[in-house]
PDB file of N, CA and C in Angstrom:
ATOM      1  N   MET A   1      11.793 -63.895  22.607  1.00  0.00           N
ATOM      2  CA  MET A   1      11.928 -63.242  21.828  1.00  0.00           C
ATOM      3  C   MET A   1      10.630 -62.788  21.284  1.00  0.00           C
ATOM      4  N   ASN A   2      10.349 -61.288  21.164  1.00  0.00           N
ATOM      5  CA  ASN A   2       9.532 -61.116  20.337  1.00  0.00           C
ATOM      6  C   ASN A   2       9.568 -60.662  19.262  1.00  0.00           C
ATOM      7  N   SER A   3       8.609 -61.197  18.429  1.00  0.00           N
ATOM      8  CA  SER A   3       9.272 -61.299  16.904  1.00  0.00           C
ATOM      9  C   SER A   3       9.184 -59.635  16.054  1.00  0.00           C
ATOM     10  N   ILE A   4       8.937 -59.010  16.697  1.00  0.00           N
ATOM     11  CA  ILE A   4       9.614 -57.724  16.241  1.00  0.00           C
ATOM     12  C   ILE A   4      10.633 -57.550  16.045  1.00  0.00           C
ATOM     13  N   LEU A   5      11.108 -57.851  17.413  1.00  0.00           N
ATOM     14  CA  LEU A   5      12.591 -57.459  18.128  1.00  0.00           C
ATOM     15  C   LEU A   5      13.579 -58.757  17.376  1.00  0.00           C
ATOM     16  N   ALA A   6      13.376 -60.042  17.295  1.00  0.00           N
ATOM     17  CA  ALA A   6      13.639 -60.836  16.494  1.00  0.00           C
ATOM     18  C   ALA A   6      14.072 -60.919  14.934  1.00  0.00           C
ATOM     19  N   LYS A   7      13.020 -59.837  14.170  1.00  0.00           N
ATOM     20  CA  LYS A   7      13.465 -59.365  12.621  1.00  0.00           C
ATOM     21  C   LYS A   7      14.715 -59.105  12.522  1.00  0.00           C
ATOM     22  N   HIS A   8      14.899 -58.348  13.591  1.00  0.00           N
ATOM     23  CA  HIS A   8      15.695 -56.703  13.597  1.00  0.00           C
ATOM     24  C   HIS A   8      17.182 -57.549  13.961  1.00  0.00           C
ATOM     25  N   CYS A   9      17.611 -58.822  13.905  1.00  0.00           N
ATOM     26  CA  CYS A   9      18.739 -59.220  14.006  1.00  0.00           C
ATOM     27  C   CYS A   9      20.067 -58.821  13.769  1.00  0.00           C
ATOM     28  N   PRO A  10      21.099 -58.178  14.140  1.00  0.00           N
ATOM     29  CA  PRO A  10      21.968 -57.515  13.513  1.00  0.00           C
ATOM     30  C   PRO A  10      22.757 -58.753  12.223  1.00  0.00           C
ATOM     31  N   LYS A  11      22.647 -58.410  11.046  1.00  0.00           N
ATOM     32  CA  LYS A  11      23.211 -58.837   9.759  1.00  0.00           C
ATOM     33  C   LYS A  11      24.378 -59.714   9.821  1.00  0.00           C
ATOM     34  N   ASP A  12      25.430 -59.580  10.729  1.00  0.00           N
ATOM     35  CA  ASP A  12      26.318 -60.564  10.725  1.00  0.00           C
ATOM     36  C   ASP A  12      26.372 -61.309  12.188  1.00  0.00           C
ATOM     37  N   MET A  13      24.792 -62.075  12.758  1.00  0.00           N
ATOM     38  CA  MET A  13      25.232 -62.549  13.434  1.00  0.00           C
ATOM     39  C   MET A  13      23.618 -63.599  12.890  1.00  0.00           C
ATOM     40  N   ASP A  14      23.334 -64.986  13.387  1.00  0.00           N
ATOM     41  CA  ASP A  14      22.345 -65.665  13.387  1.00  0.00           C
ATOM     42  C   ASP A  14      21.411 -65.760  14.267  1.00  0.00           C
ATOM     43  N   GLN A  15      20.311 -66.385  14.153  1.00  0.00           N
ATOM     44  CA  GLN A  15      18.889 -65.686  14.930  1.00  0.00           C
ATOM     45  C   GLN A  15      19.444 -66.452  16.833  1.00  0.00           C
ATOM     46  N   SER A  16      19.838 -67.235  16.566  1.00  0.00           N
ATOM     47  CA  SER A  16      20.043 -68.407  17.771  1.00  0.00           C
ATOM     48  C   SER A  16      21.129 -67.540  18.727  1.00  0.00           C
ATOM     49  N   LYS A  17      22.107 -66.920  17.859  1.00  0.00           N
ATOM     50  CA  LYS A  17      23.097 -66.070  19.099  1.00  0.00           C
ATOM     51  C   LYS A  17      23.046 -65.178  19.236  1.00  0.00           C
ATOM     52  N   TRP A  18      21.627 -64.286  18.297  1.00  0.00           N
ATOM     53  CA  TRP A  18      20.761 -62.860  18.584  1.00  0.00           C
ATOM     54  C   TRP A  18      20.363 -62.931  19.973  1.00  0.00           C
ATOM     55  N   GLU A  19      19.182 -64.441  19.747  1.00  0.00           N
ATOM     56  CA  GLU A  19      18.892 -64.409  20.974  1.00  0.00           C
ATOM     57  C   GLU A  19      19.435 -64.363  22.177  1.00  0.00           C
ATOM     58  N   THR A  20      20.813 -65.372  22.525  1.00  0.00           N
ATOM     59  CA  THR A  20      21.409 -65.408  23.333  1.00  0.00           C
ATOM     60  C   THR A  20      22.184 -64.251  24.035  1.00  0.00           C
ATOM     61  N   GLN A  21      22.314 -63.521  22.894  1.00  0.00           N
ATOM     62  CA  GLN A  21      23.117 -62.292  23.450  1.00  0.00           C
ATOM     63  C   GLN A  21      21.705 -61.183  24.059  1.00  0.00           C
ATOM     64  N   TRP A  22      20.653 -61.221  23.275  1.00  0.00           N
ATOM     65  CA  TRP A  22      19.874 -60.514  23.537  1.00  0.00           C
ATOM     66  C   TRP A  22      19.249 -60.733  25.041  1.00  0.00           C
ATOM     67  N   GLU A  23      19.306 -61.924  25.292  1.00  0.00           N
ATOM     68  CA  GLU A  23      18.724 -62.687  26.840  1.00  0.00           C
ATOM     69  C   GLU A  23      19.793 -62.309  27.858  1.00  0.00           C
ATOM     70  N   ALA A  24      20.768 -62.185  27.348  1.00  0.00           N
ATOM     71  CA  ALA A  24      22.124 -62.059  28.745  1.00  0.00           C
ATOM     72  C   ALA A  24      22.047 -60.200  28.553  1.00  0.00           C
ATOM     73  N   ALA A  25      21.674 -59.502  28.393  1.00  0.00           N
ATOM     74  CA  ALA A  25      21.796 -58.151  28.148  1.00  0.00           C
ATOM     75  C   ALA A  25      20.779 -58.122  29.169  1.00  0.00           C
ATOM     76  N   GLY A  26      20.063 -58.831  29.873  1.00  0.00           N
ATOM     77  CA  GLY A  26      19.466 -58.198  31.236  1.00  0.00           C
ATOM     78  C   GLY A  26      19.653 -57.358  32.149  1.00  0.00           C
ATOM     79  N   ASP A  27      20.987 -57.543  32.545  1.00  0.00           N
ATOM     80  CA  ASP A  27      21.323 -56.749  33.706  1.00  0.00           C
ATOM     81  C   ASP A  27      21.754 -55.640  33.279  1.00  0.00           C
ATOM     82  N   LEU A  28      21.917 -55.152  32.012  1.00  0.00           N
ATOM     83  CA  LEU A  28      22.203 -53.696  31.227  1.00  0.00           C
ATOM     84  C   LEU A  28      20.709 -53.348  31.190  1.00  0.00           C
ATOM     85  N   LEU A  29      19.805 -53.705  30.713  1.00  0.00           N
ATOM     86  CA  LEU A  29      18.758 -52.944  30.556  1.00  0.00           C
ATOM     87  C   LEU A  29      17.769 -52.858  31.764  1.00  0.00           C
ATOM     88  N   GLN A  30      18.304 -53.429  33.162  1.00  0.00           N
ATOM     89  CA  GLN A  30      17.175 -53.174  33.898  1.00  0.00           C
ATOM     90  C   GLN A  30      17.322 -51.425  34.202  1.00  0.00           C
ATOM     91  N   PRO A  31      18.268 -50.957  34.421  1.00  0.00           N
ATOM     92  CA  PRO A  31      17.807 -49.473  34.916  1.00  0.00           C
ATOM     93  C   PRO A  31      16.936 -48.812  33.527  1.00  0.00           C
ATOM     94  N   LEU A  32      16.756 -49.234  32.638  1.00  0.00           N
ATOM     95  CA  LEU A  32      16.169 -48.764  31.300  1.00  0.00           C
ATOM     96  C   LEU A  32      14.677 -48.891  31.947  1.00  0.00           C
ATOM     97  N   ALA A  33      14.470 -50.416  31.857  1.00  0.00           N
ATOM     98  CA  ALA A  33      12.843 -51.073  32.101  1.00  0.00           C
ATOM     99  C   ALA A  33      12.521 -50.203  33.750  1.00  0.00           C
ATOM    100  N   ASP A  34      13.148 -49.553  34.112  1.00  0.00           N
ATOM    101  CA  ASP A  34      13.150 -49.107  35.809  1.00  0.00           C
ATOM    102  C   ASP A  34      12.567 -47.685  35.341  1.00  0.00           C
ATOM    103  N   THR A  35      13.546 -47.196  34.880  1.00  0.00           N
ATOM    104  CA  THR A  35      12.903 -45.618  34.069  1.00  0.00           C
ATOM    105  C   THR A  35      11.517 -45.820  33.191  1.00  0.00           C
ATOM    106  N   LEU A  36      11.519 -46.673  32.592  1.00  0.00           N
ATOM    107  CA  LEU A  36      10.082 -46.748  31.629  1.00  0.00           C
ATOM    108  C   LEU A  36       9.013 -46.745  32.956  1.00  0.00           C
ATOM    109  N   LYS A  37       9.176 -47.838  33.924  1.00  0.00           N
ATOM    110  CA  LYS A  37       8.216 -47.964  35.072  1.00  0.00           C
ATOM    111  C   LYS A  37       7.725 -46.832  35.369  1.00  0.00           C
ATOM    112  N   ASP A  38       9.033 -45.983  36.061  1.00  0.00           N
ATOM    113  CA  ASP A  38       8.722 -44.456  37.023  1.00  0.00           C
ATOM    114  C   ASP A  38       7.843 -43.751  35.675  1.00  0.00           C
ATOM    115  N   LEU A  39       8.197 -43.905  34.828  1.00  0.00           N
ATOM    116  CA  LEU A  39       7.690 -43.147  33.387  1.00  0.00           C
ATOM    117  C   LEU A  39       6.080 -43.088  33.744  1.00  0.00           C
ATOM    118  N   LYS A  40       6.006 -44.606  33.902  1.00  0.00           N
ATOM    119  CA  LYS A  40       4.465 -44.961  33.338  1.00  0.00           C
ATOM    120  C   LYS A  40       3.729 -44.613  35.200  1.00  0.00           C
ATOM    121  N   ALA A  41       4.488 -44.966  35.659  1.00  0.00           N
ATOM    122  CA  ALA A  41       3.690 -44.698  37.052  1.00  0.00           C
ATOM    123  C   ALA A  41       3.469 -42.840  37.202  1.00  0.00           C
ATOM    124  N   GLY A  42       4.197 -42.359  36.590  1.00  0.00           N
ATOM    125  CA  GLY A  42       3.614 -40.651  36.830  1.00  0.00           C
ATOM    126  C   GLY A  42       2.448 -40.688  35.517  1.00  0.00           C
ATOM    127  N   LEU A  43       2.483 -41.371  34.778  1.00  0.00           N
ATOM    128  CA  LEU A  43       0.647 -41.195  34.290  1.00  0.00           C
ATOM    129  C   LEU A  43      -0.362 -41.237  34.782  1.00  0.00           C
ATOM    130  N   GLY A  44      -1.209 -40.708  34.539  1.00  0.00           N
ATOM    131  CA  GLY A  44      -2.623 -40.181  34.851  1.00  0.00           C
ATOM    132  C   GLY A  44      -2.716 -39.719  35.970  1.00  0.00           C
ATOM    133  N   GLN A  45      -2.226 -38.711  36.646  1.00  0.00           N
ATOM    134  CA  GLN A  45      -2.258 -38.105  38.047  1.00  0.00           C
ATOM    135  C   GLN A  45      -2.984 -36.818  37.391  1.00  0.00           C
ATOM    136  N   VAL A  46      -4.719 -36.920  37.058  1.00  0.00           N
ATOM    137  CA  VAL A  46      -5.371 -35.856  36.667  1.00  0.00           C
ATOM    138  C   VAL A  46      -5.439 -35.054  38.092  1.00  0.00           C
ATOM    139  N   LYS A  47      -4.995 -33.902  37.433  1.00  0.00           N
ATOM    140  CA  LYS A  47      -5.569 -32.608  38.308  1.00  0.00           C
ATOM    141  C   LYS A  47      -7.001 -31.931  38.603  1.00  0.00           C
ATOM    142  N   ALA A  48      -7.416 -30.745  39.037  1.00  0.00           N
ATOM    143  CA  ALA A  48      -8.783 -30.682  38.989  1.00  0.00           C
ATOM    144  C   ALA A  48      -8.629 -29.348  37.736  1.00  0.00           C
ATOM    145  N   ASP A  49      -7.562 -28.648  37.898  1.00  0.00           N
ATOM    146  CA  ASP A  49      -7.408 -27.759  36.457  1.00  0.00           C
ATOM    147  C   ASP A  49      -7.326 -28.149  35.235  1.00  0.00           C
ATOM    148  N   ASP A  50      -7.189 -29.718  35.347  1.00  0.00           N
ATOM    149  CA  ASP A  50      -6.685 -30.404  33.706  1.00  0.00           C
ATOM    150  C   ASP A  50      -8.789 -30.402  33.211  1.00  0.00           C
ATOM    151  N   TYR A  51      -9.705 -30.063  33.858  1.00  0.00           N
ATOM    152  CA  TYR A  51     -11.326 -30.306  33.997  1.00  0.00           C
ATOM    153  C   TYR A  51     -11.460 -28.971  32.854  1.00  0.00           C
ATOM    154  N   ASP A  52     -10.315 -27.773  32.977  1.00  0.00           N
ATOM    155  CA  ASP A  52     -10.853 -26.513  32.327  1.00  0.00           C
ATOM    156  C   ASP A  52     -10.378 -26.567  31.301  1.00  0.00           C
ATOM    157  N   CYS A  53      -9.779 -27.402  30.803  1.00  0.00           N
ATOM    158  CA  CYS A  53      -9.152 -27.551  28.887  1.00  0.00           C
ATOM    159  C   CYS A  53     -10.435 -28.328  28.528  1.00  0.00           C
ATOM    160  N   PRO A  54     -10.666 -27.885  27.159  1.00  0.00           N
ATOM    161  CA  PRO A  54     -11.414 -28.697  26.385  1.00  0.00           C
ATOM    162  C   PRO A  54     -10.934 -29.964  25.623  1.00  0.00           C
ATOM    163  N   ASN A  55      -9.717 -29.760  25.885  1.00  0.00           N
ATOM    164  CA  ASN A  55      -8.897 -31.031  25.364  1.00  0.00           C
ATOM    165  C   ASN A  55      -8.626 -31.845  26.374  1.00  0.00           C
ATOM    166  N   HIS A  56      -9.463 -31.950  27.381  1.00  0.00           N
ATOM    167  CA  HIS A  56      -8.893 -32.818  28.512  1.00  0.00           C
ATOM    168  C   HIS A  56      -9.029 -34.439  28.061  1.00  0.00           C
ATOM    169  N   TYR A  57     -10.129 -35.255  27.677  1.00  0.00           N
ATOM    170  CA  TYR A  57     -10.571 -36.279  26.819  1.00  0.00           C
ATOM    171  C   TYR A  57      -9.270 -36.310  25.612  1.00  0.00           C
ATOM    172  N   THR A  58      -8.898 -35.662  25.216  1.00  0.00           N
ATOM    173  CA  THR A  58      -7.331 -36.126  24.036  1.00  0.00           C
ATOM    174  C   THR A  58      -6.063 -36.279  25.329  1.00  0.00           C
ATOM    175  N   LYS A  59      -6.101 -35.543  26.125  1.00  0.00           N
ATOM    176  CA  LYS A  59      -4.960 -35.631  27.347  1.00  0.00           C
ATOM    177  C   LYS A  59      -5.111 -37.168  27.775  1.00  0.00           C
ATOM    178  N   LEU A  60      -5.928 -37.314  27.934  1.00  0.00           N
ATOM    179  CA  LEU A  60      -6.351 -38.605  28.690  1.00  0.00           C
ATOM    180  C   LEU A  60      -6.000 -40.018  27.573  1.00  0.00           C
ATOM    181  N   VAL A  61      -6.395 -39.597  26.400  1.00  0.00           N
ATOM    182  CA  VAL A  61      -6.218 -40.814  25.679  1.00  0.00           C
ATOM    183  C   VAL A  61      -4.656 -40.746  24.823  1.00  0.00           C
ATOM    184  N   ALA A  62      -3.936 -39.692  25.024  1.00  0.00           N
ATOM    185  CA  ALA A  62      -2.260 -39.458  24.768  1.00  0.00           C
ATOM    186  C   ALA A  62      -1.928 -40.416  26.077  1.00  0.00           C
ATOM    187  N   GLU A  63      -2.466 -40.149  27.225  1.00  0.00           N
ATOM    188  CA  GLU A  63      -1.671 -40.562  28.180  1.00  0.00           C
ATOM    189  C   GLU A  63      -1.624 -42.163  28.313  1.00  0.00           C
ATOM    190  N   GLN A  64      -2.727 -42.937  27.878  1.00  0.00           N
ATOM    191  CA  GLN A  64      -3.154 -44.154  27.829  1.00  0.00           C
ATOM    192  C   GLN A  64      -2.564 -45.011  26.685  1.00  0.00           C
ATOM    193  N   VAL A  65      -2.231 -44.088  25.225  1.00  0.00           N
ATOM    194  CA  VAL A  65      -1.384 -44.424  24.887  1.00  0.00           C
ATOM    195  C   VAL A  65      -0.062 -44.600  25.143  1.00  0.00           C
ATOM    196  N   GLN A  66       0.402 -43.706  25.473  1.00  0.00           N
ATOM    197  CA  GLN A  66       1.498 -43.839  26.519  1.00  0.00           C
ATOM    198  C   GLN A  66       1.971 -45.090  27.394  1.00  0.00           C
ATOM    199  N   ARG A  67       1.253 -45.445  28.014  1.00  0.00           N
ATOM    200  CA  ARG A  67       1.110 -46.428  29.008  1.00  0.00           C
ATOM    201  C   ARG A  67       1.280 -47.444  28.008  1.00  0.00           C
ATOM    202  N   GLN A  68       0.645 -47.410  27.148  1.00  0.00           N
ATOM    203  CA  GLN A  68       0.474 -48.958  25.877  1.00  0.00           C
ATOM    204  C   GLN A  68       1.855 -48.993  25.384  1.00  0.00           C
ATOM    205  N   THR A  69       2.152 -47.868  24.498  1.00  0.00           N
ATOM    206  CA  THR A  69       3.814 -47.835  24.491  1.00  0.00           C
ATOM    207  C   THR A  69       4.614 -48.277  25.054  1.00  0.00           C
ATOM    208  N   ILE A  70       4.892 -48.196  26.523  1.00  0.00           N
ATOM    209  CA  ILE A  70       5.970 -48.619  27.483  1.00  0.00           C
ATOM    210  C   ILE A  70       5.620 -49.637  27.813  1.00  0.00           C
ATOM    211  N   ASP A  71       4.195 -50.424  27.966  1.00  0.00           N
ATOM    212  CA  ASP A  71       4.090 -51.699  27.950  1.00  0.00           C
ATOM    213  C   ASP A  71       4.382 -52.672  26.749  1.00  0.00           C
ATOM    214  N   LYS A  72       4.305 -51.959  25.417  1.00  0.00           N
ATOM    215  CA  LYS A  72       4.938 -52.994  24.390  1.00  0.00           C
ATOM    216  C   LYS A  72       6.194 -53.315  24.435  1.00  0.00           C
ATOM    217  N   ILE A  73       7.304 -52.110  24.716  1.00  0.00           N
ATOM    218  CA  ILE A  73       8.690 -51.755  24.824  1.00  0.00           C
ATOM    219  C   ILE A  73       9.219 -52.837  26.024  1.00  0.00           C
ATOM    220  N   LEU A  74       8.656 -52.823  27.139  1.00  0.00           N
ATOM    221  CA  LEU A  74       8.875 -53.787  28.153  1.00  0.00           C
ATOM    222  C   LEU A  74       8.732 -55.453  27.899  1.00  0.00           C
ATOM    223  N   ALA A  75       7.739 -55.480  26.849  1.00  0.00           N
ATOM    224  CA  ALA A  75       7.276 -56.520  26.578  1.00  0.00           C
ATOM    225  C   ALA A  75       8.690 -57.219  25.744  1.00  0.00           C
ATOM    226  N   MET A  76       9.341 -56.493  24.900  1.00  0.00           N
ATOM    227  CA  MET A  76      10.254 -56.891  24.141  1.00  0.00           C
ATOM    228  C   MET A  76      11.689 -56.803  25.049  1.00  0.00           C
ATOM    229  N   PHE A  77      11.985 -56.809  26.309  1.00  0.00           N
ATOM    230  CA  PHE A  77      13.207 -57.040  27.133  1.00  0.00           C
ATOM    231  C   PHE A  77      13.356 -57.954  27.293  1.00  0.00           C
ATOM    232  N   PRO A  78      14.529 -58.603  27.296  1.00  0.00           N
ATOM    233  CA  PRO A  78      14.658 -59.880  27.917  1.00  0.00           C
ATOM    234  C   PRO A  78      13.879 -60.752  29.160  1.00  0.00           C
ATOM    235  N   LYS A  79      13.762 -61.814  29.559  1.00  0.00           N
ATOM    236  CA  LYS A  79      13.225 -62.312  30.741  1.00  0.00           C
ATOM    237  C   LYS A  79      14.097 -62.042  31.741  1.00  0.00           C
ATOM    238  N   ALA A  80      14.720 -61.840  31.981  1.00  0.00           N
ATOM    239  CA  ALA A  80      16.163 -61.505  33.112  1.00  0.00           C
ATOM    240  C   ALA A  80      15.685 -60.014  33.804  1.00  0.00           C
ATOM    241  N   VAL A  81      14.886 -59.313  32.586  1.00  0.00           N
ATOM    242  CA  VAL A  81      14.386 -57.911  33.526  1.00  0.00           C
ATOM    243  C   VAL A  81      13.332 -58.282  34.344  1.00  0.00           C
ATOM    244  N   GLU A  82      13.112 -57.255  35.266  1.00  0.00           N
ATOM    245  CA  GLU A  82      11.820 -56.847  35.798  1.00  0.00           C
ATOM    246  C   GLU A  82      10.846 -56.196  35.559  1.00  0.00           C
ATOM    247  N   ARG A  83       9.527 -56.786  34.801  1.00  0.00           N
ATOM    248  CA  ARG A  83       8.973 -55.982  34.706  1.00  0.00           C
ATOM    249  C   ARG A  83       7.817 -55.344  35.429  1.00  0.00           C
TER     250      ARG A  83
END
């Protein structure tokens, strides 16, 4: 379990039970992981008219940040989730 996720254990639950329940939620979280992967796949498709904008590099950086954020979120998912 990711350390960031582990530190946000529900107050009425011990750490081992939290990890067990999180790992058991893999089937429920798979559709969300698939959606995030689809979003990530749609990034970075540069069009010819993108170069007409002076903020082209800003757009590329913003898309890279989105990719990295999606990767960080997917890394927190249970091991049973196909990343």
